[in-house]
C-alpha cells in the first residue's frame, strides 16, 4: 500500500488517545504519586471507610472499598486503568527461572503461592502425549528447584492423558501474603483434564483436586468426574469444544450469589473461532453453575486480536484486576500479557495501552505470555511462559525493579521527523508487523534519525532494524549508520558490520564494537537524494528495532 493514504486509511492507522471525562489526556489526570483519590473518582466517603482506605495494599489507594454504600459504574475510567498499569508493570527482564531437564518436555503456565516460609510454583509439563502438573519451590521467588509431579497421568480415568493444574483460592489481596486459603480443611486446585492424547487433544473439561499438604510432592485427590465440561446441559455456544485454564477465587461478600467464582477460557464448537473468558459460581467447590450467557472478556480489537485466556484475578484496593494473555497473530511475539479491571466481577474494562510482556530476548522471542503476577516486599514479580524461536519453553520472569543490577528497563524513542499517523515508540513495542510503525514520510530532510534513550547506561554491541516498505512513499533507505552518545556529543560507532550489506525490507542487523551509552541514534539516508518535496520523495520507515542480546 502506498504511504499516500486516503483519509479513511489514515484514520484506521491512528492510535487512540485515552481521555478523561473532561476531555483532558491521561497525562493531565494521573497523579505522580501513583494513587487516585476519592475526589478524582467522584466518590462520596461515608463513615467507616477510613479504615478501608488504610487497608489498601502496600499504599496503593486506587479508591475506597465501598460496596453496599455506592453504585459502581460498569466501565473503569481511563485514568484508573492508567493507575493500575503503573502499579503492575514489570519492565525489567530477569530471565528464565525454570526449565525442564529434557528437550522432549515443555514447561508451561506457572501459578505461584506462599506456604509456611517458602514459595511454590505449580506448573504444567507437556510430555509424551499430554499435560501433567508438577511442583517447584524457591526461597526467594528467583531461584527455583523442581520437586516432582502432583497431578500425574492416571490410566482409565476421565483425565487419563490431560491434567494441567492451577492453584485455587489464593488470597487475592494485592501485595498480601499470596497464601492459599482452605475450604473444608483442604487446599484446592482446578485443572484442565481430558482422556485424549496430544497437545490439548480432544474435548477438554475442568476438574478439581485437593490436598492437605500443598508443599509436598504427593498426588492431589481428584474426583472421578469433571465439574465443568463442553457438553454440559447449560454449556454456552462459546465453550462447546474445549475448556482451558481456570482460576477460582473466594468472594466473602457473595456478590454473585455464591462463595466461589471461577474464571476460565474456552473455545466454541469444533475448537475453532475466538477463545474467550467466561465464569461460573459454586458454594462447595464441586457443583458449579455457569453465570451469564456471554463471556465476560472477549477478544477485542488491537491489530486483529482473536484469542484471550489464562485468567488470574487479584484485588487492588476496591478494584478487581484480571491478568490474561492476548494474541495478535501467530507470528513472532503474537501473544502477550495484559489486564482488565472490574468493580463487580462481571463487567470488565480491558487495558488498551502498552503490553505487560513482549518478546525482547532470544529465550522469549516467540512468546512471552500466560501470566501469574504477585507483589512481595514492594516488588512486582510477573511469571510467564517464555518460548524461543526453536520451540524451547521456560518459565520467564519480569520484575518492577532491576534485580540484576543491569537495567533492561523501558526505552524512550524520539525522531527527527515522524509522519503524523505514525509513532517513534512503535519500534520498541515488540511487534514486527507493519502496523504500528514509524516513518519519516513527508520529511523535509534528506537524512532522518531515530534515537533510543535508555533509563540507565547500557552496554550495546548491535541492533536489528526491521525496515518498512510499502512500495510507494516509504522504502528502505540508501544507507544507514549508528551513533552513540559520548559525553554530550554523538559519535559514530566503530567496527560496524551490516547484514545484509545494503538496506533491505525486513530485518537488517548491525554489529559494532561495544559501547556503554545512554542513547543510540540510528540515521536513515532516504532513497531519493537532494531536497525532498513534501509528498514527492521516497522516505524511510521501520516497524521494530531490537538491541543485540
Protein backbone atom coordinates (compact mmCIF):
# COMPACT_ATOMS: atom_id res chain seq x y z
CA UNK A 1 0.00 0.00 0.00
CA UNK A 2 1.33 3.43 -0.88
CA UNK A 3 2.04 5.68 2.07
CA UNK A 4 -0.07 8.38 0.40
CA UNK A 5 -3.17 7.09 2.14
CA UNK A 6 -6.70 8.42 1.86
CA UNK A 7 -8.50 9.81 4.91
CA UNK A 8 -10.17 6.50 5.80
CA UNK A 9 -6.89 4.62 5.72
CA UNK A 10 -5.23 7.33 7.75
CA UNK A 11 -7.94 7.14 10.39
CA UNK A 12 -7.60 3.36 10.51
CA UNK A 13 -3.89 3.71 11.24
CA UNK A 14 -4.34 6.24 14.04
CA UNK A 15 -3.68 5.17 17.61
CA UNK A 16 -6.38 6.30 20.08
CA UNK A 17 -5.58 8.81 22.81
CA UNK A 18 -7.31 7.94 26.06
CA UNK A 19 -9.11 10.89 27.58
CA UNK A 20 -10.89 11.62 30.79
CA UNK A 21 -14.45 12.82 31.14
CA UNK A 22 -13.32 16.43 30.79
CA UNK A 23 -11.50 15.75 27.53
CA UNK A 24 -8.04 16.02 29.03
CA UNK A 25 -5.44 13.48 28.07
CA UNK A 26 -4.37 10.98 30.70
CA UNK A 27 -1.16 12.86 31.43
CA UNK A 28 -3.15 15.70 32.93
CA UNK A 29 -5.27 13.36 35.04
CA UNK A 30 -2.81 10.91 36.54
CA UNK A 31 -1.21 11.84 39.82
CA UNK A 32 2.53 11.38 40.11
CA UNK A 33 2.11 9.66 43.47
CA UNK A 34 0.64 6.61 41.75
CA UNK A 35 -2.71 6.93 43.51
CA UNK A 36 -6.15 8.11 42.59
CA UNK A 37 -8.07 9.86 45.33
CA UNK A 38 -11.76 9.78 46.17
CA UNK A 39 -12.36 13.21 44.65
CA UNK A 40 -10.80 12.21 41.32
CA UNK A 41 -13.13 9.21 41.12
CA UNK A 42 -16.22 11.05 42.25
CA UNK A 43 -16.56 9.05 45.47
CA UNK A 44 -18.50 10.27 48.44
CA UNK A 45 -16.83 8.95 51.58
CA UNK A 46 -19.18 7.71 54.25
CA UNK A 47 -18.43 6.91 57.90
CA UNK A 48 -16.44 3.73 58.34
CA UNK A 49 -14.50 3.94 55.10
CA UNK A 50 -11.32 5.41 56.55
CA UNK A 51 -10.06 2.04 57.71
CA UNK A 52 -10.74 0.65 54.23
CA UNK A 53 -8.54 3.33 52.70
CA UNK A 54 -5.77 2.40 55.12
CA UNK A 55 -6.22 -1.26 54.25
CA UNK A 56 -5.44 -0.71 50.57
CA UNK A 57 -2.47 -2.97 49.94
CA UNK A 58 1.07 -1.55 50.05
CA UNK A 59 -0.24 2.01 50.00
CA UNK A 60 -1.99 1.55 46.65
CA UNK A 61 -5.07 3.68 47.26
CA UNK A 62 -6.74 3.23 43.88
CA UNK A 63 -10.02 4.05 45.61
CA UNK A 64 -12.13 3.17 48.61
CA UNK A 65 -13.79 -0.18 49.05
CA UNK A 66 -17.36 0.97 49.41
CA UNK A 67 -19.56 -1.89 48.23
CA UNK A 68 -23.03 -1.53 49.64
CA UNK A 69 -22.63 2.26 50.00
CA UNK A 70 -22.48 3.30 46.36
CA UNK A 71 -23.25 2.03 42.90
CA UNK A 72 -20.19 1.49 40.76
CA UNK A 73 -20.22 2.17 37.01
CA UNK A 74 -19.79 -0.77 34.67
CA UNK A 75 -16.75 0.76 32.96
CA UNK A 76 -13.50 1.67 34.71
CA UNK A 77 -12.29 5.19 33.79
CA UNK A 78 -9.17 5.62 31.68
CA UNK A 79 -7.31 7.40 34.46
CA UNK A 80 -7.88 4.50 36.86
CA UNK A 81 -6.75 1.97 34.23
CA UNK A 82 -3.57 4.00 33.83
CA UNK A 83 -3.00 3.91 37.59
CA UNK A 84 -3.30 0.14 37.57
CA UNK A 85 -0.83 -0.13 34.70
CA UNK A 86 1.69 2.00 36.57
CA UNK A 87 1.27 -0.28 39.60
CA UNK A 88 1.56 -3.67 37.85
CA UNK A 89 4.04 -3.05 35.01
CA UNK A 90 7.29 -5.03 35.11
CA UNK A 91 9.74 -3.54 32.59
CA UNK A 92 12.83 -5.41 33.83
CA UNK A 93 13.54 -8.83 32.34
CA UNK A 94 15.07 -11.08 34.98
CA UNK A 95 15.34 -14.12 32.71
CA UNK A 96 14.30 -17.80 32.63
CA UNK A 97 13.84 -19.17 36.15
CA UNK A 98 12.60 -22.72 35.49
CA UNK A 99 13.12 -25.21 32.67
CA UNK A 100 12.63 -28.94 32.24
CA UNK A 101 15.70 -31.20 32.15
CA UNK A 102 14.63 -32.73 28.86
CA UNK A 103 14.10 -31.12 25.44
CA UNK A 104 11.23 -33.56 24.98
CA UNK A 105 9.25 -31.77 27.69
CA UNK A 106 7.70 -28.31 27.56
CA UNK A 107 7.19 -26.34 30.78
CA UNK A 108 4.18 -24.02 30.84
CA UNK A 109 1.61 -21.96 32.80
CA UNK A 110 3.06 -21.06 36.23
CA UNK A 111 0.95 -20.32 39.32
CA UNK A 112 2.87 -19.15 42.37
CA UNK A 113 1.94 -19.20 46.07
CA UNK A 114 3.44 -18.92 49.56
CA UNK A 115 3.23 -21.75 52.11
CA UNK A 116 4.91 -21.66 55.51
CA UNK A 117 8.21 -19.82 54.86
CA UNK A 118 8.76 -20.86 51.24
CA UNK A 119 7.48 -20.09 47.75
CA UNK A 120 5.99 -22.76 45.50
CA UNK A 121 5.08 -22.91 41.83
CA UNK A 122 2.54 -25.25 40.32
CA UNK A 123 3.27 -25.53 36.61
CA UNK A 124 2.45 -27.68 33.61
CA UNK A 125 4.68 -30.01 31.68
CA UNK A 126 3.75 -31.38 28.29
CA UNK A 127 5.46 -34.75 27.87
CA UNK A 128 4.95 -37.72 25.62
CA UNK A 129 1.33 -37.10 24.66
CA UNK A 130 -0.35 -34.90 27.25
CA UNK A 131 -0.21 -32.47 30.18
CA UNK A 132 0.64 -33.29 33.76
CA UNK A 133 1.27 -30.95 36.71
CA UNK A 134 4.46 -30.52 38.71
CA UNK A 135 5.63 -28.57 41.73
CA UNK A 136 8.71 -26.37 42.14
CA UNK A 137 9.96 -24.43 45.18
CA UNK A 138 12.00 -21.30 45.87
CA UNK A 139 13.30 -19.42 48.91
CA UNK A 140 13.15 -16.01 47.20
CA UNK A 141 10.99 -16.10 44.02
CA UNK A 142 14.18 -16.06 41.91
CA UNK A 143 15.93 -19.42 42.38
CA UNK A 144 13.63 -22.34 41.61
CA UNK A 145 14.06 -26.08 42.11
CA UNK A 146 11.84 -28.71 40.51
CA UNK A 147 10.32 -31.00 43.15
CA UNK A 148 8.13 -33.54 41.33
CA UNK A 149 4.70 -34.41 39.95
CA UNK A 150 1.43 -33.73 41.79
CA UNK A 151 -1.11 -34.45 39.03
CA UNK A 152 0.24 -37.43 37.05
CA UNK A 153 -1.36 -39.35 34.22
CA UNK A 154 -3.88 -41.91 35.53
CA UNK A 155 -4.85 -44.65 33.07
CA UNK A 156 -8.55 -45.36 32.65
CA UNK A 157 -9.78 -42.11 34.21
CA UNK A 158 -11.69 -39.30 32.50
CA UNK A 159 -8.46 -37.24 32.72
CA UNK A 160 -6.03 -40.02 31.87
CA UNK A 161 -3.99 -38.01 29.32
CA UNK A 162 -4.50 -34.38 30.36
CA UNK A 163 -4.13 -33.00 33.91
CA UNK A 164 -2.98 -29.36 33.79
CA UNK A 165 -3.37 -27.75 37.22
CA UNK A 166 -3.69 -24.19 38.54
CA UNK A 167 -3.82 -23.25 42.21
CA UNK A 168 -7.17 -22.06 43.58
CA UNK A 169 -8.38 -19.91 46.47
CA UNK A 170 -5.24 -17.82 46.76
CA UNK A 171 -5.57 -14.74 48.93
CA UNK A 172 -6.40 -12.19 46.18
CA UNK A 173 -5.23 -9.05 48.01
CA UNK A 174 -2.50 -7.31 46.03
CA UNK A 175 0.74 -7.20 47.99
CA UNK A 176 -0.73 -9.56 50.58
CA UNK A 177 0.52 -12.91 51.77
CA UNK A 178 -0.06 -14.79 48.46
CA UNK A 179 -1.01 -17.78 50.62
CA UNK A 180 -3.65 -20.33 49.71
CA UNK A 181 -6.94 -20.32 51.60
CA UNK A 182 -8.55 -23.57 52.70
CA UNK A 183 -12.07 -24.92 52.33
CA UNK A 184 -13.21 -27.86 54.46
CA UNK A 185 -9.69 -28.06 55.83
CA UNK A 186 -8.11 -28.66 52.42
CA UNK A 187 -6.16 -26.73 49.78
CA UNK A 188 -7.57 -26.74 46.24
CA UNK A 189 -6.62 -26.50 42.59
CA UNK A 190 -8.62 -26.63 39.38
CA UNK A 191 -7.25 -28.26 36.27
CA UNK A 192 -7.73 -28.83 32.57
CA UNK A 193 -8.46 -32.51 32.00
CA UNK A 194 -9.28 -34.96 29.25
CA UNK A 195 -8.85 -38.58 28.09
CA UNK A 196 -7.32 -37.95 24.65
CA UNK A 197 -3.59 -37.71 23.90
CA UNK A 198 -1.86 -34.88 22.09
CA UNK A 199 -1.31 -31.22 22.69
CA UNK A 200 -4.68 -30.22 24.20
CA UNK A 201 -6.20 -33.07 22.21
CA UNK A 202 -9.89 -33.92 22.15
CA UNK A 203 -12.63 -32.34 24.27
CA UNK A 204 -11.28 -30.73 27.43
CA UNK A 205 -13.10 -30.24 30.74
CA UNK A 206 -12.35 -28.71 34.14
CA UNK A 207 -11.73 -30.83 37.22
CA UNK A 208 -10.92 -30.01 40.84
CA UNK A 209 -8.37 -31.58 43.18
CA UNK A 210 -7.46 -31.02 46.84
CA UNK A 211 -4.81 -31.85 49.43
CA UNK A 212 -3.80 -31.09 53.00
CA UNK A 213 -0.12 -30.71 52.04
CA UNK A 214 0.33 -28.42 49.01
CA UNK A 215 4.09 -28.21 49.62
CA UNK A 216 4.74 -31.94 49.32
CA UNK A 217 5.29 -33.98 46.17
CA UNK A 218 2.23 -36.17 46.55
CA UNK A 219 -0.69 -36.78 44.16
CA UNK A 220 -3.60 -34.49 44.95
CA UNK A 221 -7.00 -36.13 45.48
CA UNK A 222 -9.13 -35.92 42.34
CA UNK A 223 -12.79 -36.61 41.62
CA UNK A 224 -13.99 -39.30 39.25
CA UNK A 225 -15.77 -36.78 37.02
CA UNK A 226 -15.22 -33.27 35.73
CA UNK A 227 -17.04 -30.35 37.35
CA UNK A 228 -17.48 -28.40 34.08
CA UNK A 229 -17.42 -29.76 30.57
CA UNK A 230 -18.11 -28.71 26.97
CA UNK A 231 -21.20 -30.94 26.70
CA UNK A 232 -22.96 -29.98 29.95
CA UNK A 233 -26.67 -29.15 29.70
CA UNK A 234 -26.04 -25.48 30.46
CA UNK A 235 -23.00 -25.10 28.19
CA UNK A 236 -23.00 -21.91 26.17
CA UNK A 237 -22.20 -21.57 22.46
CA UNK A 238 -18.69 -20.22 23.00
CA UNK A 239 -17.48 -23.16 25.15
CA UNK A 240 -18.72 -26.27 23.36
CA UNK A 241 -15.31 -27.63 22.42
CA UNK A 242 -12.55 -27.07 24.99
CA UNK A 243 -12.35 -25.57 28.46
CA UNK A 244 -8.83 -24.41 29.30
CA UNK A 245 -7.16 -22.70 32.26
CA UNK A 246 -9.33 -21.77 35.25
CA UNK A 247 -8.80 -19.53 38.26
CA UNK A 248 -11.03 -19.84 41.33
CA UNK A 249 -11.31 -17.08 43.93
CA UNK A 250 -13.32 -16.81 47.14
CA UNK A 251 -15.73 -13.87 47.35
CA UNK A 252 -16.72 -13.43 51.02
CA UNK A 253 -19.46 -10.99 50.06
CA UNK A 254 -21.03 -13.47 47.61
CA UNK A 255 -21.73 -10.69 45.11
CA UNK A 256 -22.88 -13.20 42.52
CA UNK A 257 -24.89 -15.34 44.94
CA UNK A 258 -22.15 -17.85 45.70
CA UNK A 259 -18.97 -18.08 47.75
CA UNK A 260 -16.67 -19.15 44.94
CA UNK A 261 -16.16 -17.68 41.47
CA UNK A 262 -14.32 -19.40 38.63
CA UNK A 263 -12.96 -17.67 35.52
CA UNK A 264 -11.83 -19.81 32.59
CA UNK A 265 -11.13 -19.58 28.87
CA UNK A 266 -12.81 -21.78 26.29
CA UNK A 267 -13.44 -22.28 22.57
CA UNK A 268 -16.64 -22.97 20.67
CA UNK A 269 -17.86 -25.92 18.63
CA UNK A 270 -15.15 -27.67 16.67
CA UNK A 271 -12.39 -25.88 18.53
CA UNK A 272 -12.46 -23.00 16.07
CA UNK A 273 -13.23 -19.34 16.43
CA UNK A 274 -12.42 -16.98 19.23
CA UNK A 275 -11.09 -18.07 22.60
CA UNK A 276 -12.89 -16.15 25.33
CA UNK A 277 -13.10 -15.94 29.12
CA UNK A 278 -16.28 -16.83 30.99
CA UNK A 279 -17.32 -17.53 34.55
CA UNK A 280 -19.12 -19.97 36.83
CA UNK A 281 -20.02 -19.92 40.54
CA UNK A 282 -20.24 -22.51 43.33
CA UNK A 283 -20.92 -22.86 47.05
CA UNK A 284 -18.98 -26.09 47.60
CA UNK A 285 -16.13 -26.13 45.01
CA UNK A 286 -17.69 -29.20 43.39
CA UNK A 287 -21.09 -28.23 41.98
CA UNK A 288 -20.72 -25.32 39.58
CA UNK A 289 -23.30 -23.30 37.69
CA UNK A 290 -22.49 -21.03 34.78
CA UNK A 291 -23.03 -17.29 35.23
CA UNK A 292 -24.44 -15.27 32.34
CA UNK A 293 -24.87 -16.18 28.70
CA UNK A 294 -21.94 -14.30 27.20
CA UNK A 295 -18.22 -14.35 28.03
CA UNK A 296 -17.06 -11.69 30.47
CA UNK A 297 -13.99 -10.94 28.37
CA UNK A 298 -13.83 -11.40 24.61
CA UNK A 299 -11.08 -10.77 22.08
CA UNK A 300 -11.03 -7.03 21.48
CA UNK A 301 -9.61 -5.09 18.56
CA UNK A 302 -5.91 -4.46 18.90
CA UNK A 303 -4.47 -5.10 15.45
CA UNK A 304 -6.63 -8.18 14.92
CA UNK A 305 -6.67 -9.95 18.28
CA UNK A 306 -8.69 -13.16 18.12
CA UNK A 307 -7.85 -15.01 21.34
CA UNK A 308 -7.56 -14.30 25.06
CA UNK A 309 -7.14 -16.62 28.03
CA UNK A 310 -5.37 -17.85 31.17
CA UNK A 311 -7.04 -15.52 33.69
CA UNK A 312 -5.62 -14.67 37.13
CA UNK A 313 -7.73 -12.41 39.35
CA UNK A 314 -6.40 -10.20 42.17
CA UNK A 315 -7.80 -7.38 44.28
CA UNK A 316 -6.18 -3.92 44.27
CA UNK A 317 -7.98 -1.59 46.64
CA UNK A 318 -11.62 -1.87 45.62
CA UNK A 319 -10.84 -2.95 42.05
CA UNK A 320 -10.72 -6.48 40.74
CA UNK A 321 -7.85 -6.88 38.27
CA UNK A 322 -7.63 -9.81 35.85
CA UNK A 323 -4.30 -10.65 34.23
CA UNK A 324 -4.63 -12.63 30.99
CA UNK A 325 -2.97 -13.17 27.63
CA UNK A 326 -3.96 -11.72 24.27
CA UNK A 327 -2.90 -12.65 20.79
CA UNK A 328 -2.38 -10.53 17.71
CA UNK A 329 -1.49 -13.41 15.42
CA UNK A 330 0.75 -16.46 15.39
CA UNK A 331 3.90 -14.68 14.26
CA UNK A 332 6.80 -13.66 16.48
CA UNK A 333 5.54 -12.14 19.72
CA UNK A 334 1.97 -12.76 18.62
CA UNK A 335 0.93 -13.43 22.22
CA UNK A 336 1.48 -11.12 25.15
CA UNK A 337 0.04 -10.43 28.60
CA UNK A 338 -2.35 -7.66 29.51
CA UNK A 339 -5.03 -6.96 32.16
CA UNK A 340 -8.64 -5.86 32.65
CA UNK A 341 -10.40 -4.21 35.62
CA UNK A 342 -13.84 -4.58 37.16
CA UNK A 343 -15.89 -3.24 40.05
CA UNK A 344 -18.32 -6.19 40.17
CA UNK A 345 -16.52 -9.27 38.72
CA UNK A 346 -18.95 -9.25 35.76
CA UNK A 347 -18.24 -6.10 33.74
CA UNK A 348 -14.57 -5.89 32.71
CA UNK A 349 -12.71 -3.00 31.10
CA UNK A 350 -9.63 -4.18 29.15
CA UNK A 351 -6.39 -2.20 29.17
CA UNK A 352 -5.55 -0.95 25.68
CA UNK A 353 -2.19 0.61 26.41
CA UNK A 354 1.32 -0.91 26.37
CA UNK A 355 1.71 -4.65 26.73
CA UNK A 356 2.74 -6.14 30.05
CA UNK A 357 5.06 -8.57 28.25
CA UNK A 358 6.79 -8.53 24.89
CA UNK A 359 9.48 -10.64 23.28
CA UNK A 360 12.72 -8.74 23.91
CA UNK A 361 15.18 -11.60 24.49
CA UNK A 362 16.17 -14.69 22.44
CA UNK A 363 14.75 -17.11 25.02
CA UNK A 364 11.30 -15.48 24.67
CA UNK A 365 11.48 -14.43 21.01
CA UNK A 366 8.37 -16.39 20.00
CA UNK A 367 6.11 -15.92 23.04
CA UNK A 368 6.06 -14.14 26.37
CA UNK A 369 2.65 -14.97 27.75
CA UNK A 370 0.34 -16.76 30.27
CA UNK A 371 0.73 -14.59 33.38
CA UNK A 372 0.92 -15.17 37.10
CA UNK A 373 1.64 -11.94 38.95
CA UNK A 374 2.41 -11.38 42.66
CA UNK A 375 3.66 -8.40 44.64
CA UNK A 376 6.07 -9.10 47.51
CA UNK A 377 8.15 -6.68 49.57
CA UNK A 378 7.23 -3.83 47.24
CA UNK A 379 8.36 -5.66 44.07
CA UNK A 380 6.04 -6.99 41.38
CA UNK A 381 7.02 -10.44 40.04
CA UNK A 382 5.45 -11.38 36.70
CA UNK A 383 5.95 -15.05 35.82
CA UNK A 384 5.07 -16.20 32.31
CA UNK A 385 5.60 -18.83 29.65
CA UNK A 386 8.66 -17.94 27.54
CA UNK A 387 9.15 -19.67 24.18
CA UNK A 388 12.16 -19.26 21.89
CA UNK A 389 12.07 -19.46 18.10
CA UNK A 390 13.31 -23.07 18.34
CA UNK A 391 10.26 -24.04 20.39
CA UNK A 392 12.10 -24.40 23.71
CA UNK A 393 9.90 -23.30 26.63
CA UNK A 394 10.87 -22.00 30.05
CA UNK A 395 9.20 -20.04 32.82
CA UNK A 396 10.32 -16.44 32.44
CA UNK A 397 10.28 -13.66 35.00
CA UNK A 398 9.90 -9.88 34.66
CA UNK A 399 10.05 -7.54 37.66
CA UNK A 400 9.11 -3.98 38.58
CA UNK A 401 12.65 -3.28 39.86
CA UNK A 402 16.05 -4.04 38.39
CA UNK A 403 17.11 -7.08 40.43
CA UNK A 404 20.18 -7.89 38.32
CA UNK A 405 21.88 -4.52 38.63
CA UNK A 406 21.82 -4.14 34.84
CA UNK A 407 18.95 -2.03 33.68
CA UNK A 408 16.80 -3.53 30.98
CA UNK A 409 14.02 -1.08 31.53
CA UNK A 410 11.81 0.73 29.04
CA UNK A 411 13.28 2.57 26.06
CA UNK A 412 12.01 6.04 25.13
CA UNK A 413 12.24 6.75 21.39
CA UNK A 414 12.44 10.13 19.66
CA UNK A 415 12.87 11.03 16.00
CA UNK A 416 13.95 13.97 13.85
CA UNK A 417 10.69 13.69 11.89
CA UNK A 418 7.61 11.48 12.18
CA UNK A 419 4.60 11.20 9.86
CA UNK A 420 1.51 12.42 11.71
CA UNK A 421 -0.15 8.98 11.90
CA UNK A 422 2.94 7.05 12.99
CA UNK A 423 4.91 6.89 16.24
CA UNK A 424 8.61 6.52 17.12
CA UNK A 425 7.64 4.44 20.17
CA UNK A 426 6.16 1.80 17.86
CA UNK A 427 9.67 0.50 17.09
CA UNK A 428 10.10 -0.84 20.65
CA UNK A 429 6.61 -2.26 21.26
CA UNK A 430 7.68 -5.83 20.47
CA UNK A 431 5.54 -6.03 17.30
CA UNK A 432 7.28 -6.58 13.96
CA UNK A 433 4.06 -6.37 11.93
CA UNK A 434 3.65 -3.40 9.55
CA UNK A 435 1.32 -1.56 11.91
CA UNK A 436 2.05 0.20 14.24
CA UNK A 437 5.24 1.69 12.78
CA UNK A 438 7.46 4.77 12.48
CA UNK A 439 8.07 6.53 9.17
CA UNK A 440 9.64 9.84 8.15
CA UNK A 441 7.08 10.28 5.37
CA UNK A 442 6.85 13.88 4.10
CA UNK A 443 10.04 14.87 5.94
CA UNK A 444 11.87 17.98 4.65
CA UNK A 445 15.18 16.25 5.45
CA UNK A 446 17.37 14.06 3.28
CA UNK A 447 18.57 12.24 6.42
CA UNK A 448 16.41 11.46 9.46
CA UNK A 449 17.16 9.63 12.68
CA UNK A 450 15.58 7.51 15.40
CA UNK A 451 17.04 7.86 18.89
CA UNK A 452 16.80 5.16 21.56
CA UNK A 453 17.04 6.66 25.05
CA UNK A 454 17.74 4.23 27.91
CA UNK A 455 16.72 4.70 31.53
CA UNK A 456 20.35 3.97 32.51
CA UNK A 457 23.59 3.43 30.55
CA UNK A 458 23.80 0.07 28.76
CA UNK A 459 26.50 -1.93 27.08
CA UNK A 460 25.50 -2.13 23.41
CA UNK A 461 27.01 -4.28 20.67
CA UNK A 462 24.45 -4.13 17.88
CA UNK A 463 20.90 -3.65 16.62
CA UNK A 464 18.36 -5.36 14.40
CA UNK A 465 16.19 -2.92 12.44
CA UNK A 466 13.05 -4.13 10.68
CA UNK A 467 12.60 -1.77 7.73
CA UNK A 468 9.17 -0.91 6.36
CA UNK A 469 8.44 -0.90 2.61
CA UNK A 470 5.01 -0.04 1.21
CA UNK A 471 6.26 0.06 -2.39
CA UNK A 472 5.39 3.73 -2.66
CA UNK A 473 6.27 6.68 -0.47
CA UNK A 474 8.18 4.62 2.10
CA UNK A 475 11.00 2.29 1.06
CA UNK A 476 14.33 1.14 2.58
CA UNK A 477 16.92 3.93 2.72
CA UNK A 478 20.05 4.15 0.58
CA UNK A 479 22.24 3.92 3.68
CA UNK A 480 22.10 3.64 7.46
CA UNK A 481 24.65 4.38 10.17
CA UNK A 482 24.63 4.34 14.00
CA UNK A 483 25.90 6.84 16.57
CA UNK A 484 26.21 6.62 20.34
CA UNK A 485 26.07 9.39 22.92
CA UNK A 486 29.55 10.00 24.34
CA UNK A 487 29.51 12.73 26.95
CA UNK A 488 27.41 15.46 25.39
CA UNK A 489 28.08 14.55 21.76
CA UNK A 490 27.00 11.79 19.42
CA UNK A 491 29.84 9.84 17.79
CA UNK A 492 29.64 7.16 15.13
CA UNK A 493 30.18 3.62 16.37
CA UNK A 494 33.30 1.81 15.21
CA UNK A 495 33.64 -1.61 13.61
CA UNK A 496 30.11 -1.56 12.17
CA UNK A 497 29.22 -4.62 10.06
CA UNK A 498 25.83 -4.85 8.35
CA UNK A 499 23.88 -7.95 7.33
CA UNK A 500 22.78 -7.63 4.58
CA UNK A 501 25.42 -5.22 3.33
CA UNK A 502 22.81 -2.79 1.98
CA UNK A 503 19.38 -1.87 3.45
CA UNK A 504 16.59 -4.29 2.59
CA UNK A 505 12.94 -4.56 3.60
CA UNK A 506 12.62 -6.67 6.75
CA UNK A 507 15.40 -7.45 9.21
CA UNK A 508 18.75 -5.64 8.93
CA UNK A 509 21.38 -6.38 11.59
CA UNK A 510 24.43 -4.31 12.51
CA UNK A 511 27.12 -5.30 14.99
CA UNK A 512 29.77 -2.88 16.26
CA UNK A 513 32.49 -2.50 18.87
CA UNK A 514 30.99 -2.48 22.39
CA UNK A 515 29.96 0.91 23.77
CA UNK A 516 28.41 1.89 27.07
CA UNK A 517 25.89 4.64 26.46
CA UNK A 518 22.55 6.10 27.47
CA UNK A 519 21.45 6.77 23.85
CA UNK A 520 21.85 5.28 20.39
CA UNK A 521 20.93 7.20 17.26
CA UNK A 522 20.13 5.39 14.01
CA UNK A 523 20.40 7.54 10.87
CA UNK A 524 18.48 6.88 7.63
CA UNK A 525 19.68 8.38 4.36
CA UNK A 526 16.45 8.49 2.35
CA UNK A 527 16.40 6.77 -1.01
CA UNK A 528 15.89 9.95 -3.04
CA UNK A 529 18.80 12.39 -2.73
CA UNK A 530 18.56 16.16 -2.67
CA UNK A 531 15.65 18.24 -1.43
CA UNK A 532 12.62 16.15 -0.52
CA UNK A 533 9.47 17.87 -1.72
CA UNK A 534 6.50 17.00 0.56
CA UNK A 535 4.55 14.16 -0.95
CA UNK A 536 7.09 13.63 -3.76
CA UNK A 537 10.03 11.91 -2.08
CA UNK A 538 10.79 8.35 -1.02
CA UNK A 539 11.26 8.16 2.73
CA UNK A 540 12.43 5.65 5.31
CA UNK A 541 10.46 3.74 7.94
CA UNK A 542 10.80 0.94 10.49
CA UNK A 543 8.43 -1.36 12.36
CA UNK A 544 10.79 -2.59 15.10
CA UNK A 545 14.29 -2.01 16.48
CA UNK A 546 15.84 -4.53 18.87
CA UNK A 547 19.10 -4.42 20.76
CA UNK A 548 21.54 -7.30 20.38
CA UNK A 549 21.30 -9.66 23.39
